[in-house]
Amino acid sequence: MIRLEHPEYLILLILPLGVAGLYGWFMGARRRALRRMGDIRLIDRLAPARSRYRHIWRFLLAVTALTALILSLANPQIGAGTETTRREGIDLLLALDISRSMQAEDERPSRMLRARQWALRLLDKMENDRIGLMLFAGSAYVQAPITPDHATVRAFLAQAGPDLAENQGSSLASVIRAADKMYERTGSGQRALLIVSDGEDHAGQALEAAREAAQRGLIVYTVSVGSSAGAMIPLVKDGRQVGFKTDAGGQNVITQANENLLREIAAATGGMSVRATAGAGEMNDLLRAFSRLEKQSFQSRNYDEYQDLFQVFVALALICLVAEYLIPEKNNQDESHVELV
């Protein structure tokens, strides 16, 4: 397994790209200037010491050295040792609502950010469990299958937002049915689904879907965000708010969280419903409920040692710089042997 210890330094790769662009512009301007002086082939005969290609090789070596130095700053690392351990924990499918209503700001900084922060805190407390991730709005899809690799789930969770929704709207029934089908395919033991949502449900049939899934052993837990008082839905473009969502009559749309529906869904499957509060009390209640689920035994492979590879890139940069220095700017040819014809 290869990783970067400091990936933030990769932004510096724009430097060699910029240098290459400037070099290309300079060479084009230089060639146009030579053409204005006369025939380039005649100039080559009059100045045989001038090398047409060596300066290109020198430039490529210099840019390669710069790129290698930037990569050395990022410090690529390779997993040098692995440890396979047997762990025991539950299988849980986490479903995050990414509908537009989750951008409402009746939760600070917004429903979406509160939901993501709450889910990430929960993952910190479930390190021995396998977690999967689903995203849903008008429809639902599996973003990460159930896995012990929490880092992958975290990466997807951190990027989740309305822009990833294939269909806008809000359908709690779709996520319940998608989770039920996924568990059917994988043949897992205890089936558990955690829905983090404001509870808006435009499609309906959520309770019906929950009761049907409960007959096949799916337990649904819910975490509600947002208030029943409601809030307007910000419209965001390129990271900036540009207004609020309006209806066909031009009136601002008010989104109201439906905590009662989430409670009914959880109750219909024998699960539990809590709010995404900043405190630890309700999260601990949920974790105690999870502890009563059937445990699964599985193997986990961890990379416990990493070897630095920055030395390889530093050495490559030095080799390129030395080679660039050794390439002469001009041909080793005595100009006195030039023949004018």
Protein backbone atom coordinates (compact mmCIF):
# COMPACT_ATOMS: atom_id res chain seq x y z
CA MET A 1 0.00 0.00 0.00
CA ILE A 2 1.35 3.41 -0.97
CA ARG A 3 0.32 6.68 0.65
CA LEU A 4 1.50 10.30 0.79
CA GLU A 5 2.51 11.62 4.18
CA HIS A 6 2.07 15.26 3.10
CA PRO A 7 -0.29 15.33 0.09
CA GLU A 8 -0.83 19.08 0.53
CA TYR A 9 2.55 19.70 -1.16
CA LEU A 10 1.22 18.29 -4.45
CA ILE A 11 -0.25 21.73 -5.16
CA LEU A 12 3.34 22.78 -5.93
CA LEU A 13 3.25 20.61 -9.07
CA ILE A 14 1.73 23.64 -10.73
CA LEU A 15 5.26 25.12 -10.74
CA PRO A 16 6.83 22.74 -13.30
CA LEU A 17 3.69 23.06 -15.42
CA GLY A 18 4.03 26.83 -15.37
CA VAL A 19 7.74 26.62 -16.18
CA ALA A 20 6.99 24.31 -19.11
CA GLY A 21 4.44 26.77 -20.43
CA LEU A 22 6.87 29.68 -20.21
CA TYR A 23 9.59 27.60 -21.89
CA GLY A 24 7.29 26.70 -24.76
CA TRP A 25 6.37 30.38 -25.22
CA PHE A 26 10.04 31.41 -25.11
CA MET A 27 11.11 28.79 -27.67
CA GLY A 28 8.31 29.83 -30.01
CA ALA A 29 9.33 33.49 -29.74
CA ARG A 30 12.99 32.56 -30.27
CA ARG A 31 12.22 30.56 -33.40
CA ARG A 32 10.13 33.39 -34.84
CA ALA A 33 13.01 35.81 -34.21
CA LEU A 34 15.46 33.53 -36.04
CA ARG A 35 13.12 33.27 -38.99
CA ARG A 36 13.06 37.05 -39.24
CA MET A 37 16.88 37.04 -39.38
CA GLY A 38 17.01 34.63 -42.30
CA ASP A 39 16.85 30.99 -43.33
CA ILE A 40 17.24 28.76 -40.24
CA ARG A 41 19.25 26.14 -42.17
CA LEU A 42 21.72 28.80 -43.28
CA ILE A 43 22.01 30.07 -39.69
CA ASP A 44 22.79 26.50 -38.57
CA ARG A 45 25.62 26.31 -41.11
CA LEU A 46 26.99 29.68 -40.07
CA ALA A 47 26.82 28.76 -36.36
CA PRO A 48 27.55 25.01 -36.15
CA ALA A 49 28.46 25.29 -32.47
CA ARG A 50 24.85 26.08 -31.68
CA SER A 51 22.97 22.94 -30.55
CA ARG A 52 19.36 22.72 -31.60
CA TYR A 53 18.32 19.93 -29.21
CA ARG A 54 20.69 19.97 -26.24
CA HIS A 55 18.95 22.89 -24.56
CA ILE A 56 15.71 20.88 -24.76
CA TRP A 57 17.34 17.96 -22.93
CA ARG A 58 18.72 20.36 -20.32
CA PHE A 59 15.27 21.84 -19.80
CA LEU A 60 13.62 18.41 -19.46
CA LEU A 61 16.20 17.34 -16.88
CA ALA A 62 15.71 20.56 -14.89
CA VAL A 63 11.90 20.21 -14.87
CA THR A 64 12.20 16.54 -13.89
CA ALA A 65 14.47 17.54 -11.00
CA LEU A 66 11.95 20.15 -9.82
CA THR A 67 9.08 17.65 -10.03
CA ALA A 68 11.08 15.04 -8.10
CA LEU A 69 11.87 17.55 -5.34
CA ILE A 70 8.17 18.41 -4.97
CA LEU A 71 7.30 14.70 -4.74
CA SER A 72 9.99 14.27 -2.10
CA LEU A 73 8.27 16.96 -0.02
CA ALA A 74 5.01 14.98 -0.24
CA ASN A 75 7.03 11.95 0.98
CA PRO A 76 5.47 8.87 -0.65
CA GLN A 77 5.45 5.93 1.76
CA ILE A 78 5.01 2.23 1.18
CA GLY A 79 3.49 -0.18 3.67
CA ALA A 80 6.37 -2.28 4.92
CA GLY A 81 4.60 -4.50 7.38
CA THR A 82 1.09 -5.86 7.68
CA GLU A 83 -0.73 -7.36 10.58
CA THR A 84 -3.79 -9.52 10.15
CA THR A 85 -6.02 -9.55 13.18
CA ARG A 86 -9.37 -11.16 13.93
CA ARG A 87 -11.94 -8.69 15.15
CA GLU A 88 -15.50 -8.93 16.31
CA GLY A 89 -18.10 -6.24 15.79
CA ILE A 90 -21.39 -5.39 14.18
CA ASP A 91 -22.19 -4.68 10.54
CA LEU A 92 -23.86 -1.31 10.10
CA LEU A 93 -24.99 0.50 6.98
CA LEU A 94 -24.95 4.28 7.44
CA ALA A 95 -27.34 6.24 5.18
CA LEU A 96 -26.85 10.00 4.87
CA ASP A 97 -29.52 12.29 3.47
CA ILE A 98 -27.98 14.59 0.81
CA SER A 99 -31.19 16.23 -0.43
CA ARG A 100 -31.31 20.02 -0.91
CA SER A 101 -33.29 20.48 2.31
CA MET A 102 -30.20 19.35 4.23
CA GLN A 103 -28.59 22.70 3.35
CA ALA A 104 -31.07 24.54 5.60
CA GLU A 105 -29.39 26.44 8.41
CA ASP A 106 -31.77 25.83 11.31
CA GLU A 107 -28.88 23.66 12.56
CA ARG A 108 -25.50 25.38 12.74
CA PRO A 109 -23.63 25.60 10.48
CA SER A 110 -26.23 23.65 8.45
CA ARG A 111 -28.17 20.40 8.64
CA MET A 112 -25.72 18.78 6.22
CA LEU A 113 -22.58 19.78 8.12
CA ARG A 114 -24.14 18.87 11.48
CA ALA A 115 -25.12 15.44 10.09
CA ARG A 116 -21.64 14.81 8.67
CA GLN A 117 -19.91 15.92 11.86
CA TRP A 118 -22.18 13.72 13.94
CA ALA A 119 -21.57 10.70 11.70
CA LEU A 120 -17.79 11.19 11.84
CA ARG A 121 -17.92 11.36 15.64
CA LEU A 122 -19.89 8.13 15.66
CA LEU A 123 -17.26 6.40 13.51
CA ASP A 124 -14.62 7.33 16.10
CA LYS A 125 -16.52 5.22 18.63
CA MET A 126 -17.06 2.21 16.32
CA GLU A 127 -13.51 1.32 15.37
CA ASN A 128 -14.09 -2.43 15.85
CA ASP A 129 -17.18 -2.52 13.63
CA ARG A 130 -17.66 -2.77 9.89
CA ILE A 131 -19.40 0.23 8.33
CA GLY A 132 -20.94 0.86 4.91
CA LEU A 133 -22.13 4.16 3.48
CA MET A 134 -25.22 4.99 1.44
CA LEU A 135 -26.20 8.41 0.12
CA PHE A 136 -29.76 9.25 -0.78
CA ALA A 137 -32.10 11.99 -1.91
CA GLY A 138 -34.76 11.10 -4.49
CA SER A 139 -33.03 7.72 -4.83
CA ALA A 140 -30.37 5.84 -2.88
CA TYR A 141 -27.10 4.17 -3.82
CA VAL A 142 -24.24 2.45 -2.02
CA GLN A 143 -21.19 4.71 -1.83
CA ALA A 144 -19.01 2.29 0.15
CA PRO A 145 -19.84 -1.38 0.89
CA ILE A 146 -19.68 -2.63 4.46
CA THR A 147 -15.99 -2.67 5.31
CA PRO A 148 -13.58 -2.46 8.27
CA ASP A 149 -11.73 0.28 6.34
CA HIS A 150 -13.12 3.33 8.12
CA ALA A 151 -10.70 5.65 6.30
CA THR A 152 -12.50 5.00 3.00
CA VAL A 153 -15.90 5.62 4.57
CA ARG A 154 -14.62 8.83 6.15
CA ALA A 155 -13.25 10.07 2.83
CA PHE A 156 -16.59 9.56 1.08
CA LEU A 157 -18.53 10.96 4.02
CA ALA A 158 -16.45 14.14 4.13
CA GLN A 159 -17.31 14.89 0.47
CA ALA A 160 -21.02 14.07 0.68
CA GLY A 161 -23.41 16.81 -0.41
CA PRO A 162 -26.42 17.59 -2.61
CA ASP A 163 -24.26 17.85 -5.74
CA LEU A 164 -23.70 14.07 -5.57
CA ALA A 165 -27.41 13.25 -5.69
CA GLU A 166 -28.47 11.53 -8.90
CA ASN A 167 -32.10 12.55 -8.32
CA GLN A 168 -33.18 15.35 -6.03
CA GLY A 169 -36.16 15.08 -3.73
CA SER A 170 -36.34 13.00 -0.58
CA SER A 171 -37.32 9.33 -0.45
CA LEU A 172 -36.81 7.47 2.83
CA ALA A 173 -38.49 4.40 1.33
CA SER A 174 -35.79 4.17 -1.36
CA VAL A 175 -32.94 4.00 1.16
CA ILE A 176 -34.72 1.40 3.31
CA ARG A 177 -35.41 -0.82 0.29
CA ALA A 178 -31.88 -0.36 -1.10
CA ALA A 179 -30.37 -1.35 2.26
CA ASP A 180 -32.66 -4.38 2.47
CA LYS A 181 -31.59 -5.52 -1.02
CA MET A 182 -27.92 -5.02 -0.22
CA TYR A 183 -28.15 -7.20 2.88
CA GLU A 184 -30.02 -9.82 0.84
CA ARG A 185 -27.13 -9.96 -1.65
CA THR A 186 -24.37 -10.11 0.95
CA GLY A 187 -26.09 -12.59 3.23
CA SER A 188 -24.96 -10.81 6.39
CA GLY A 189 -26.23 -11.93 9.78
CA GLN A 190 -27.80 -9.12 11.78
CA ARG A 191 -29.06 -6.37 9.48
CA ALA A 192 -28.78 -2.80 10.77
CA LEU A 193 -29.39 0.51 9.02
CA LEU A 194 -28.73 3.96 10.49
CA ILE A 195 -30.47 6.84 8.69
CA VAL A 196 -29.22 10.38 9.32
CA SER A 197 -31.82 12.76 7.88
CA ASP A 198 -34.14 15.69 8.47
CA GLY A 199 -37.06 13.32 7.92
CA GLU A 200 -38.55 15.03 4.87
CA ASP A 201 -40.17 12.39 2.66
CA HIS A 202 -41.68 13.54 -0.63
CA ALA A 203 -42.19 10.06 -2.04
CA GLY A 204 -44.11 8.59 0.91
CA GLN A 205 -44.28 4.83 1.63
CA ALA A 206 -41.44 5.07 4.17
CA LEU A 207 -43.39 3.33 6.94
CA GLU A 208 -44.62 0.65 4.56
CA ALA A 209 -41.06 -0.01 3.38
CA ALA A 210 -39.84 -0.15 7.00
CA ARG A 211 -42.48 -2.71 8.01
CA GLU A 212 -41.67 -4.88 4.99
CA ALA A 213 -37.93 -4.75 5.70
CA ALA A 214 -38.51 -5.52 9.38
CA GLN A 215 -40.13 -8.82 8.39
CA ARG A 216 -36.80 -9.77 6.80
CA GLY A 217 -34.84 -8.81 9.92
CA LEU A 218 -33.72 -5.24 9.10
CA ILE A 219 -33.48 -2.97 12.14
CA VAL A 220 -33.57 0.74 11.31
CA TYR A 221 -32.09 3.37 13.61
CA THR A 222 -32.63 7.05 12.86
CA VAL A 223 -30.82 10.29 13.68
CA SER A 224 -32.80 13.48 13.08
CA VAL A 225 -31.38 16.90 12.19
CA GLY A 226 -33.23 20.16 11.76
CA SER A 227 -36.22 21.71 13.51
CA SER A 228 -39.97 21.39 13.00
CA ALA A 229 -40.17 25.21 12.85
CA GLY A 230 -38.44 24.98 9.49
CA ALA A 231 -36.02 27.13 7.52
CA MET A 232 -35.42 28.36 3.99
CA ILE A 233 -33.20 26.32 1.65
CA PRO A 234 -30.08 28.19 0.50
CA LEU A 235 -29.05 27.90 -3.14
CA VAL A 236 -25.30 27.42 -3.42
CA LYS A 237 -23.21 27.85 -6.57
CA ASP A 238 -19.43 27.46 -6.70
CA GLY A 239 -19.31 27.42 -2.90
CA ARG A 240 -21.26 30.68 -2.48
CA GLN A 241 -24.89 31.28 -1.56
CA VAL A 242 -26.78 32.91 -4.42
CA GLY A 243 -30.28 33.01 -2.94
CA PHE A 244 -32.99 30.70 -1.62
CA LYS A 245 -35.11 28.01 -3.24
CA THR A 246 -38.53 29.24 -4.35
CA ASP A 247 -41.72 27.54 -5.46
CA ALA A 248 -43.61 28.04 -8.72
CA GLY A 249 -45.21 31.19 -7.29
CA GLY A 250 -41.87 32.74 -6.42
CA GLN A 251 -42.30 32.21 -2.67
CA ASN A 252 -39.40 30.94 -0.56
CA VAL A 253 -39.69 27.21 0.18
CA ILE A 254 -39.69 26.35 3.88
CA THR A 255 -38.32 22.93 4.81
CA GLN A 256 -39.55 21.41 8.06
CA ALA A 257 -37.79 18.50 9.73
CA ASN A 258 -40.05 15.52 10.43
CA GLU A 259 -38.64 13.92 13.56
CA ASN A 260 -41.90 12.08 14.25
CA LEU A 261 -41.67 10.14 10.98
CA LEU A 262 -38.12 9.07 11.79
CA ARG A 263 -39.28 7.86 15.22
CA GLU A 264 -42.11 5.85 13.64
CA ILE A 265 -39.72 4.23 11.13
CA ALA A 266 -37.36 3.18 13.93
CA ALA A 267 -40.22 1.90 16.10
CA ALA A 268 -41.66 -0.14 13.22
CA THR A 269 -38.41 -2.13 12.95
CA GLY A 270 -37.50 -2.39 16.64
CA GLY A 271 -34.83 0.29 16.32
CA MET A 272 -34.16 3.55 18.10
CA SER A 273 -34.36 7.25 17.18
CA VAL A 274 -32.16 10.06 18.53
CA ARG A 275 -31.33 13.65 17.63
CA ALA A 276 -27.96 14.79 16.29
CA THR A 277 -27.11 16.92 19.30
CA ALA A 278 -23.67 18.25 20.18
CA GLY A 279 -23.66 16.33 23.46
CA ALA A 280 -22.62 12.71 23.93
CA GLY A 281 -25.71 11.46 25.76
CA GLU A 282 -27.91 10.44 22.83
CA MET A 283 -24.95 9.04 20.88
CA ASN A 284 -24.06 6.84 23.85
CA ASP A 285 -27.69 5.66 24.02
CA LEU A 286 -27.44 4.66 20.37
CA LEU A 287 -24.13 2.85 20.93
CA ARG A 288 -25.68 0.86 23.79
CA ALA A 289 -28.46 -0.16 21.42
CA PHE A 290 -25.85 -1.25 18.85
CA SER A 291 -24.11 -3.35 21.50
CA ARG A 292 -27.15 -5.62 21.63
CA LEU A 293 -26.85 -6.47 17.94
CA GLU A 294 -25.37 -9.76 16.80
CA LYS A 295 -21.58 -9.56 16.47
CA GLN A 296 -19.75 -10.69 13.34
CA SER A 297 -16.23 -12.13 13.33
CA PHE A 298 -13.91 -10.96 10.54
CA GLN A 299 -10.27 -10.51 9.64
CA SER A 300 -8.71 -7.10 9.30
CA ARG A 301 -5.37 -6.31 7.64
CA ASN A 302 -3.57 -3.26 8.97
CA TYR A 303 -0.43 -1.63 7.63
CA ASP A 304 1.50 -0.98 10.81
CA GLU A 305 4.79 0.23 9.34
CA TYR A 306 5.59 2.55 6.46
CA GLN A 307 8.91 3.20 4.76
CA ASP A 308 9.72 6.68 3.49
CA LEU A 309 10.49 6.98 -0.22
CA PHE A 310 11.45 10.68 -0.32
CA GLN A 311 15.14 9.70 -0.61
CA VAL A 312 14.46 8.10 -4.00
CA PHE A 313 13.05 11.34 -5.38
CA VAL A 314 15.84 13.45 -3.88
CA ALA A 315 18.39 11.15 -5.53
CA LEU A 316 16.53 11.38 -8.85
CA ALA A 317 16.56 15.19 -8.62
CA LEU A 318 20.32 15.24 -7.94
CA ILE A 319 21.02 12.90 -10.86
CA CYS A 320 18.98 15.09 -13.20
CA LEU A 321 20.73 18.26 -12.02
CA VAL A 322 24.19 16.73 -12.45
CA ALA A 323 23.28 15.42 -15.90
CA GLU A 324 21.88 18.82 -16.87
CA TYR A 325 25.13 20.49 -15.76
CA LEU A 326 27.28 18.04 -17.75
CA ILE A 327 25.43 18.63 -21.03
CA PRO A 328 27.27 21.47 -22.80
CA GLU A 329 25.34 24.36 -24.25
CA LYS A 330 27.30 24.19 -27.51
CA ASN A 331 28.75 21.46 -29.68
CA ASN A 332 32.45 20.77 -29.25
CA GLN A 333 33.19 21.81 -32.82
CA ASP A 334 35.84 24.20 -33.98
CA GLU A 335 34.09 27.14 -35.61
CA SER A 336 37.13 27.59 -37.93
CA HIS A 337 36.03 24.54 -39.89
CA VAL A 338 32.82 26.16 -41.04
CA GLU A 339 32.48 26.13 -44.79
CA LEU A 340 30.52 28.84 -46.50
CA VAL A 341 28.78 27.70 -49.61
